[in-house]
PDB file of N, CA and C in Angstrom:
ATOM      1  N   MET A   1      14.428 -17.455  66.691  1.00  0.00           N
ATOM      2  CA  MET A   1      15.128 -16.377  66.026  1.00  0.00           C
ATOM      3  C   MET A   1      15.037 -15.122  66.899  1.00  0.00           C
ATOM      4  N   ASP A   2      16.158 -14.467  67.070  1.00  0.00           N
ATOM      5  CA  ASP A   2      16.215 -13.236  67.854  1.00  0.00           C
ATOM      6  C   ASP A   2      15.767 -12.075  66.977  1.00  0.00           C
ATOM      7  N   ILE A   3      14.801 -11.310  67.435  1.00  0.00           N
ATOM      8  CA  ILE A   3      14.249 -10.221  66.625  1.00  0.00           C
ATOM      9  C   ILE A   3      15.271  -9.111  66.370  1.00  0.00           C
ATOM     10  N   VAL A   4      16.167  -8.877  67.310  1.00  0.00           N
ATOM     11  CA  VAL A   4      17.164  -7.817  67.138  1.00  0.00           C
ATOM     12  C   VAL A   4      18.168  -8.175  66.045  1.00  0.00           C
ATOM     13  N   THR A   5      18.654  -9.393  66.028  1.00  0.00           N
ATOM     14  CA  THR A   5      19.638  -9.792  65.018  1.00  0.00           C
ATOM     15  C   THR A   5      19.000  -9.974  63.646  1.00  0.00           C
ATOM     16  N   ALA A   6      17.691 -10.145  63.584  1.00  0.00           N
ATOM     17  CA  ALA A   6      17.007 -10.313  62.300  1.00  0.00           C
ATOM     18  C   ALA A   6      16.743  -8.990  61.596  1.00  0.00           C
ATOM     19  N   MET A   7      16.850  -7.869  62.321  1.00  0.00           N
ATOM     20  CA  MET A   7      16.578  -6.556  61.727  1.00  0.00           C
ATOM     21  C   MET A   7      17.715  -6.131  60.805  1.00  0.00           C
ATOM     22  N   PRO A   8      17.398  -5.443  59.699  1.00  0.00           N
ATOM     23  CA  PRO A   8      18.457  -4.957  58.817  1.00  0.00           C
ATOM     24  C   PRO A   8      19.300  -3.888  59.510  1.00  0.00           C
ATOM     25  N   SER A   9      20.551  -3.803  59.124  1.00  0.00           N
ATOM     26  CA  SER A   9      21.476  -2.845  59.722  1.00  0.00           C
ATOM     27  C   SER A   9      22.053  -1.934  58.651  1.00  0.00           C
ATOM     28  N   ARG A  10      22.342  -0.715  59.032  1.00  0.00           N
ATOM     29  CA  ARG A  10      22.974   0.230  58.111  1.00  0.00           C
ATOM     30  C   ARG A  10      24.494   0.192  58.226  1.00  0.00           C
ATOM     31  N   GLY A  11      25.000  -0.686  59.061  1.00  0.00           N
ATOM     32  CA  GLY A  11      26.445  -0.834  59.209  1.00  0.00           C
ATOM     33  C   GLY A  11      26.953  -0.262  60.516  1.00  0.00           C
ATOM     34  N   ASP A  12      28.247  -0.396  60.685  1.00  0.00           N
ATOM     35  CA  ASP A  12      28.898   0.068  61.909  1.00  0.00           C
ATOM     36  C   ASP A  12      29.174   1.564  61.846  1.00  0.00           C
ATOM     37  N   ILE A  13      29.299   2.162  63.011  1.00  0.00           N
ATOM     38  CA  ILE A  13      29.755   3.542  63.127  1.00  0.00           C
ATOM     39  C   ILE A  13      31.275   3.494  63.138  1.00  0.00           C
ATOM     40  N   VAL A  14      31.912   4.298  62.281  1.00  0.00           N
ATOM     41  CA  VAL A  14      33.371   4.345  62.201  1.00  0.00           C
ATOM     42  C   VAL A  14      33.820   5.726  62.667  1.00  0.00           C
ATOM     43  N   VAL A  15      34.685   5.751  63.693  1.00  0.00           N
ATOM     44  CA  VAL A  15      35.170   7.005  64.263  1.00  0.00           C
ATOM     45  C   VAL A  15      36.678   7.060  64.083  1.00  0.00           C
ATOM     46  N   GLY A  16      37.158   8.158  63.493  1.00  0.00           N
ATOM     47  CA  GLY A  16      38.588   8.344  63.270  1.00  0.00           C
ATOM     48  C   GLY A  16      39.325   8.698  64.559  1.00  0.00           C
ATOM     49  N   ASN A  17      40.581   9.037  64.396  1.00  0.00           N
ATOM     50  CA  ASN A  17      41.438   9.409  65.525  1.00  0.00           C
ATOM     51  C   ASN A  17      41.191  10.854  65.941  1.00  0.00           C
ATOM     52  N   ASP A  18      41.403  11.140  67.226  1.00  0.00           N
ATOM     53  CA  ASP A  18      41.337  12.495  67.776  1.00  0.00           C
ATOM     54  C   ASP A  18      40.007  13.188  67.510  1.00  0.00           C
ATOM     55  N   VAL A  19      38.907  12.459  67.643  1.00  0.00           N
ATOM     56  CA  VAL A  19      37.577  13.028  67.470  1.00  0.00           C
ATOM     57  C   VAL A  19      37.049  13.440  68.831  1.00  0.00           C
ATOM     58  N   TRP A  20      36.430  14.622  68.899  1.00  0.00           N
ATOM     59  CA  TRP A  20      35.874  15.132  70.144  1.00  0.00           C
ATOM     60  C   TRP A  20      34.363  15.150  70.038  1.00  0.00           C
ATOM     61  N   PHE A  21      33.691  14.535  71.012  1.00  0.00           N
ATOM     62  CA  PHE A  21      32.231  14.507  71.072  1.00  0.00           C
ATOM     63  C   PHE A  21      31.758  15.383  72.221  1.00  0.00           C
ATOM     64  N   GLY A  22      30.821  16.279  71.955  1.00  0.00           N
ATOM     65  CA  GLY A  22      30.204  17.069  73.011  1.00  0.00           C
ATOM     66  C   GLY A  22      29.203  16.230  73.791  1.00  0.00           C
ATOM     67  N   TYR A  23      28.612  16.836  74.790  1.00  0.00           N
ATOM     68  CA  TYR A  23      27.662  16.186  75.683  1.00  0.00           C
ATOM     69  C   TYR A  23      26.382  15.812  74.937  1.00  0.00           C
ATOM     70  N   ARG A  24      25.890  14.596  75.154  1.00  0.00           N
ATOM     71  CA  ARG A  24      24.626  14.089  74.624  1.00  0.00           C
ATOM     72  C   ARG A  24      24.548  14.098  73.100  1.00  0.00           C
ATOM     73  N   VAL A  25      25.626  13.696  72.449  1.00  0.00           N
ATOM     74  CA  VAL A  25      25.648  13.544  70.991  1.00  0.00           C
ATOM     75  C   VAL A  25      25.008  12.208  70.622  1.00  0.00           C
ATOM     76  N   THR A  26      24.227  12.203  69.535  1.00  0.00           N
ATOM     77  CA  THR A  26      23.640  10.973  69.012  1.00  0.00           C
ATOM     78  C   THR A  26      24.220  10.727  67.626  1.00  0.00           C
ATOM     79  N   VAL A  27      24.786   9.543  67.416  1.00  0.00           N
ATOM     80  CA  VAL A  27      25.351   9.173  66.119  1.00  0.00           C
ATOM     81  C   VAL A  27      24.530   8.009  65.571  1.00  0.00           C
ATOM     82  N   MET A  28      23.973   8.192  64.388  1.00  0.00           N
ATOM     83  CA  MET A  28      23.129   7.169  63.773  1.00  0.00           C
ATOM     84  C   MET A  28      23.996   6.046  63.200  1.00  0.00           C
ATOM     85  N   PRO A  29      23.435   4.850  63.027  1.00  0.00           N
ATOM     86  CA  PRO A  29      24.198   3.718  62.482  1.00  0.00           C
ATOM     87  C   PRO A  29      24.699   3.978  61.065  1.00  0.00           C
ATOM     88  N   GLY A  30      25.874   3.463  60.761  1.00  0.00           N
ATOM     89  CA  GLY A  30      26.435   3.550  59.420  1.00  0.00           C
ATOM     90  C   GLY A  30      27.169   4.839  59.117  1.00  0.00           C
ATOM     91  N   VAL A  31      27.347   5.709  60.097  1.00  0.00           N
ATOM     92  CA  VAL A  31      28.002   7.003  59.885  1.00  0.00           C
ATOM     93  C   VAL A  31      29.509   6.861  60.040  1.00  0.00           C
ATOM     94  N   TRP A  32      30.254   7.558  59.179  1.00  0.00           N
ATOM     95  CA  TRP A  32      31.719   7.606  59.234  1.00  0.00           C
ATOM     96  C   TRP A  32      32.114   9.000  59.699  1.00  0.00           C
ATOM     97  N   ILE A  33      32.941   9.105  60.754  1.00  0.00           N
ATOM     98  CA  ILE A  33      33.414  10.384  61.286  1.00  0.00           C
ATOM     99  C   ILE A  33      34.916  10.440  61.095  1.00  0.00           C
ATOM    100  N   GLY A  34      35.373  11.432  60.339  1.00  0.00           N
ATOM    101  CA  GLY A  34      36.784  11.543  59.985  1.00  0.00           C
ATOM    102  C   GLY A  34      37.670  11.980  61.138  1.00  0.00           C
ATOM    103  N   ASP A  35      38.979  11.822  60.951  1.00  0.00           N
ATOM    104  CA  ASP A  35      39.982  12.198  61.945  1.00  0.00           C
ATOM    105  C   ASP A  35      39.840  13.667  62.331  1.00  0.00           C
ATOM    106  N   GLY A  36      40.021  13.956  63.619  1.00  0.00           N
ATOM    107  CA  GLY A  36      40.078  15.325  64.095  1.00  0.00           C
ATOM    108  C   GLY A  36      38.770  16.087  64.063  1.00  0.00           C
ATOM    109  N   ALA A  37      37.662  15.424  63.831  1.00  0.00           N
ATOM    110  CA  ALA A  37      36.371  16.114  63.784  1.00  0.00           C
ATOM    111  C   ALA A  37      35.932  16.514  65.185  1.00  0.00           C
ATOM    112  N   ILE A  38      35.111  17.547  65.254  1.00  0.00           N
ATOM    113  CA  ILE A  38      34.525  17.992  66.513  1.00  0.00           C
ATOM    114  C   ILE A  38      33.015  17.969  66.329  1.00  0.00           C
ATOM    115  N   ILE A  39      32.322  17.273  67.232  1.00  0.00           N
ATOM    116  CA  ILE A  39      30.877  17.162  67.185  1.00  0.00           C
ATOM    117  C   ILE A  39      30.313  17.972  68.349  1.00  0.00           C
ATOM    118  N   ALA A  40      29.537  19.007  68.060  1.00  0.00           N
ATOM    119  CA  ALA A  40      29.021  19.908  69.087  1.00  0.00           C
ATOM    120  C   ALA A  40      28.024  19.201  69.999  1.00  0.00           C
ATOM    121  N   ALA A  41      27.869  19.728  71.192  1.00  0.00           N
ATOM    122  CA  ALA A  41      26.961  19.149  72.176  1.00  0.00           C
ATOM    123  C   ALA A  41      25.533  19.098  71.640  1.00  0.00           C
ATOM    124  N   GLY A  42      24.875  17.977  71.866  1.00  0.00           N
ATOM    125  CA  GLY A  42      23.486  17.810  71.469  1.00  0.00           C
ATOM    126  C   GLY A  42      23.259  17.527  70.004  1.00  0.00           C
ATOM    127  N   ALA A  43      24.315  17.368  69.231  1.00  0.00           N
ATOM    128  CA  ALA A  43      24.177  17.139  67.787  1.00  0.00           C
ATOM    129  C   ALA A  43      23.628  15.743  67.514  1.00  0.00           C
ATOM    130  N   VAL A  44      22.892  15.633  66.404  1.00  0.00           N
ATOM    131  CA  VAL A  44      22.411  14.347  65.913  1.00  0.00           C
ATOM    132  C   VAL A  44      23.092  14.125  64.571  1.00  0.00           C
ATOM    133  N   VAL A  45      24.066  13.229  64.541  1.00  0.00           N
ATOM    134  CA  VAL A  45      24.881  13.002  63.345  1.00  0.00           C
ATOM    135  C   VAL A  45      24.238  11.884  62.532  1.00  0.00           C
ATOM    136  N   ALA A  46      23.703  12.254  61.355  1.00  0.00           N
ATOM    137  CA  ALA A  46      23.019  11.287  60.499  1.00  0.00           C
ATOM    138  C   ALA A  46      23.745  11.097  59.172  1.00  0.00           C
ATOM    139  N   ALA A  47      24.797  11.884  58.911  1.00  0.00           N
ATOM    140  CA  ALA A  47      25.557  11.789  57.666  1.00  0.00           C
ATOM    141  C   ALA A  47      27.042  11.788  58.000  1.00  0.00           C
ATOM    142  N   ASP A  48      27.856  11.354  57.038  1.00  0.00           N
ATOM    143  CA  ASP A  48      29.304  11.297  57.238  1.00  0.00           C
ATOM    144  C   ASP A  48      29.875  12.684  57.544  1.00  0.00           C
ATOM    145  N   VAL A  49      30.916  12.707  58.386  1.00  0.00           N
ATOM    146  CA  VAL A  49      31.579  13.951  58.779  1.00  0.00           C
ATOM    147  C   VAL A  49      32.989  13.934  58.202  1.00  0.00           C
ATOM    148  N   PRO A  50      33.336  14.934  57.378  1.00  0.00           N
ATOM    149  CA  PRO A  50      34.694  14.983  56.810  1.00  0.00           C
ATOM    150  C   PRO A  50      35.748  15.205  57.903  1.00  0.00           C
ATOM    151  N   PRO A  51      36.999  14.833  57.614  1.00  0.00           N
ATOM    152  CA  PRO A  51      38.067  15.038  58.596  1.00  0.00           C
ATOM    153  C   PRO A  51      38.250  16.518  58.941  1.00  0.00           C
ATOM    154  N   TYR A  52      38.579  16.785  60.203  1.00  0.00           N
ATOM    155  CA  TYR A  52      38.902  18.120  60.714  1.00  0.00           C
ATOM    156  C   TYR A  52      37.799  19.136  60.432  1.00  0.00           C
ATOM    157  N   THR A  53      36.555  18.705  60.641  1.00  0.00           N
ATOM    158  CA  THR A  53      35.398  19.568  60.447  1.00  0.00           C
ATOM    159  C   THR A  53      34.627  19.652  61.754  1.00  0.00           C
ATOM    160  N   ILE A  54      34.092  20.836  62.045  1.00  0.00           N
ATOM    161  CA  ILE A  54      33.243  21.046  63.212  1.00  0.00           C
ATOM    162  C   ILE A  54      31.800  20.971  62.739  1.00  0.00           C
ATOM    163  N   VAL A  55      31.004  20.108  63.362  1.00  0.00           N
ATOM    164  CA  VAL A  55      29.589  19.973  63.000  1.00  0.00           C
ATOM    165  C   VAL A  55      28.723  20.139  64.237  1.00  0.00           C
ATOM    166  N   GLY A  56      27.471  20.570  64.007  1.00  0.00           N
ATOM    167  CA  GLY A  56      26.537  20.711  65.109  1.00  0.00           C
ATOM    168  C   GLY A  56      25.125  20.854  64.598  1.00  0.00           C
ATOM    169  N   GLY A  57      24.175  20.651  65.481  1.00  0.00           N
ATOM    170  CA  GLY A  57      22.768  20.824  65.155  1.00  0.00           C
ATOM    171  C   GLY A  57      22.035  19.506  65.033  1.00  0.00           C
ATOM    172  N   ASN A  58      20.751  19.632  64.672  1.00  0.00           N
ATOM    173  CA  ASN A  58      19.887  18.464  64.503  1.00  0.00           C
ATOM    174  C   ASN A  58      19.177  18.612  63.168  1.00  0.00           C
ATOM    175  N   ALA A  59      19.562  17.962  62.191  1.00  0.00           N
ATOM    176  CA  ALA A  59      20.659  17.059  61.914  1.00  0.00           C
ATOM    177  C   ALA A  59      21.958  17.859  61.749  1.00  0.00           C
ATOM    178  N   ALA A  60      23.052  17.245  62.183  1.00  0.00           N
ATOM    179  CA  ALA A  60      24.339  17.939  62.218  1.00  0.00           C
ATOM    180  C   ALA A  60      24.758  18.417  60.834  1.00  0.00           C
ATOM    181  N   ARG A  61      25.171  19.681  60.781  1.00  0.00           N
ATOM    182  CA  ARG A  61      25.665  20.297  59.548  1.00  0.00           C
ATOM    183  C   ARG A  61      27.048  20.870  59.829  1.00  0.00           C
ATOM    184  N   PRO A  62      27.888  20.952  58.790  1.00  0.00           N
ATOM    185  CA  PRO A  62      29.216  21.548  58.998  1.00  0.00           C
ATOM    186  C   PRO A  62      29.102  23.012  59.428  1.00  0.00           C
ATOM    187  N   ILE A  63      29.848  23.361  60.457  1.00  0.00           N
ATOM    188  CA  ILE A  63      29.918  24.754  60.913  1.00  0.00           C
ATOM    189  C   ILE A  63      31.116  25.425  60.251  1.00  0.00           C
ATOM    190  N   ARG A  64      32.265  24.745  60.312  1.00  0.00           N
ATOM    191  CA  ARG A  64      33.460  25.220  59.604  1.00  0.00           C
ATOM    192  C   ARG A  64      34.524  24.144  59.649  1.00  0.00           C
ATOM    193  N   GLN A  65      35.557  24.310  58.813  1.00  0.00           N
ATOM    194  CA  GLN A  65      36.706  23.413  58.855  1.00  0.00           C
ATOM    195  C   GLN A  65      37.702  23.959  59.854  1.00  0.00           C
ATOM    196  N   ARG A  66      38.390  23.054  60.537  1.00  0.00           N
ATOM    197  CA  ARG A  66      39.389  23.481  61.514  1.00  0.00           C
ATOM    198  C   ARG A  66      40.637  24.032  60.846  1.00  0.00           C
ATOM    199  N   PHE A  67      40.998  23.485  59.681  1.00  0.00           N
ATOM    200  CA  PHE A  67      42.192  23.885  58.950  1.00  0.00           C
ATOM    201  C   PHE A  67      41.839  24.031  57.481  1.00  0.00           C
ATOM    202  N   ASP A  68      42.692  24.709  56.708  1.00  0.00           N
ATOM    203  CA  ASP A  68      42.440  24.785  55.268  1.00  0.00           C
ATOM    204  C   ASP A  68      42.739  23.431  54.613  1.00  0.00           C
ATOM    205  N   ASP A  69      42.338  23.288  53.352  1.00  0.00           N
ATOM    206  CA  ASP A  69      42.441  21.988  52.666  1.00  0.00           C
ATOM    207  C   ASP A  69      43.873  21.464  52.586  1.00  0.00           C
ATOM    208  N   ALA A  70      44.832  22.352  52.370  1.00  0.00           N
ATOM    209  CA  ALA A  70      46.233  21.915  52.279  1.00  0.00           C
ATOM    210  C   ALA A  70      46.716  21.320  53.605  1.00  0.00           C
ATOM    211  N   ASP A  71      46.349  21.966  54.705  1.00  0.00           N
ATOM    212  CA  ASP A  71      46.760  21.466  56.025  1.00  0.00           C
ATOM    213  C   ASP A  71      46.063  20.125  56.342  1.00  0.00           C
ATOM    214  N   VAL A  72      44.804  19.975  55.947  1.00  0.00           N
ATOM    215  CA  VAL A  72      44.097  18.719  56.181  1.00  0.00           C
ATOM    216  C   VAL A  72      44.784  17.586  55.417  1.00  0.00           C
ATOM    217  N   GLN A  73      45.168  17.824  54.163  1.00  0.00           N
ATOM    218  CA  GLN A  73      45.878  16.812  53.381  1.00  0.00           C
ATOM    219  C   GLN A  73      47.191  16.439  54.045  1.00  0.00           C
ATOM    220  N   ARG A  74      47.909  17.427  54.564  1.00  0.00           N
ATOM    221  CA  ARG A  74      49.189  17.161  55.219  1.00  0.00           C
ATOM    222  C   ARG A  74      48.987  16.365  56.527  1.00  0.00           C
ATOM    223  N   LEU A  75      47.935  16.671  57.280  1.00  0.00           N
ATOM    224  CA  LEU A  75      47.663  15.966  58.529  1.00  0.00           C
ATOM    225  C   LEU A  75      47.279  14.513  58.301  1.00  0.00           C
ATOM    226  N   GLN A  76      46.647  14.231  57.183  1.00  0.00           N
ATOM    227  CA  GLN A  76      46.244  12.856  56.913  1.00  0.00           C
ATOM    228  C   GLN A  76      47.385  12.084  56.327  1.00  0.00           C
TER     229      GLN A  76
END
């Protein structure tokens, strides 16, 4: 039995369209990153990122939305 395949998994990382990753970003397993998101350099993403949101830090937190809610709905 292979020890790596026997370990439990939190799932796949799902990345939407037009996502920008800064230098040395770490994304934890099972995280969903929405369309148009921007991940700042050095961020550690441990939770889902909403579409068109800028996140950064360790653990990554929302900095701001790129567009207002109406524009995000229209883009999706």
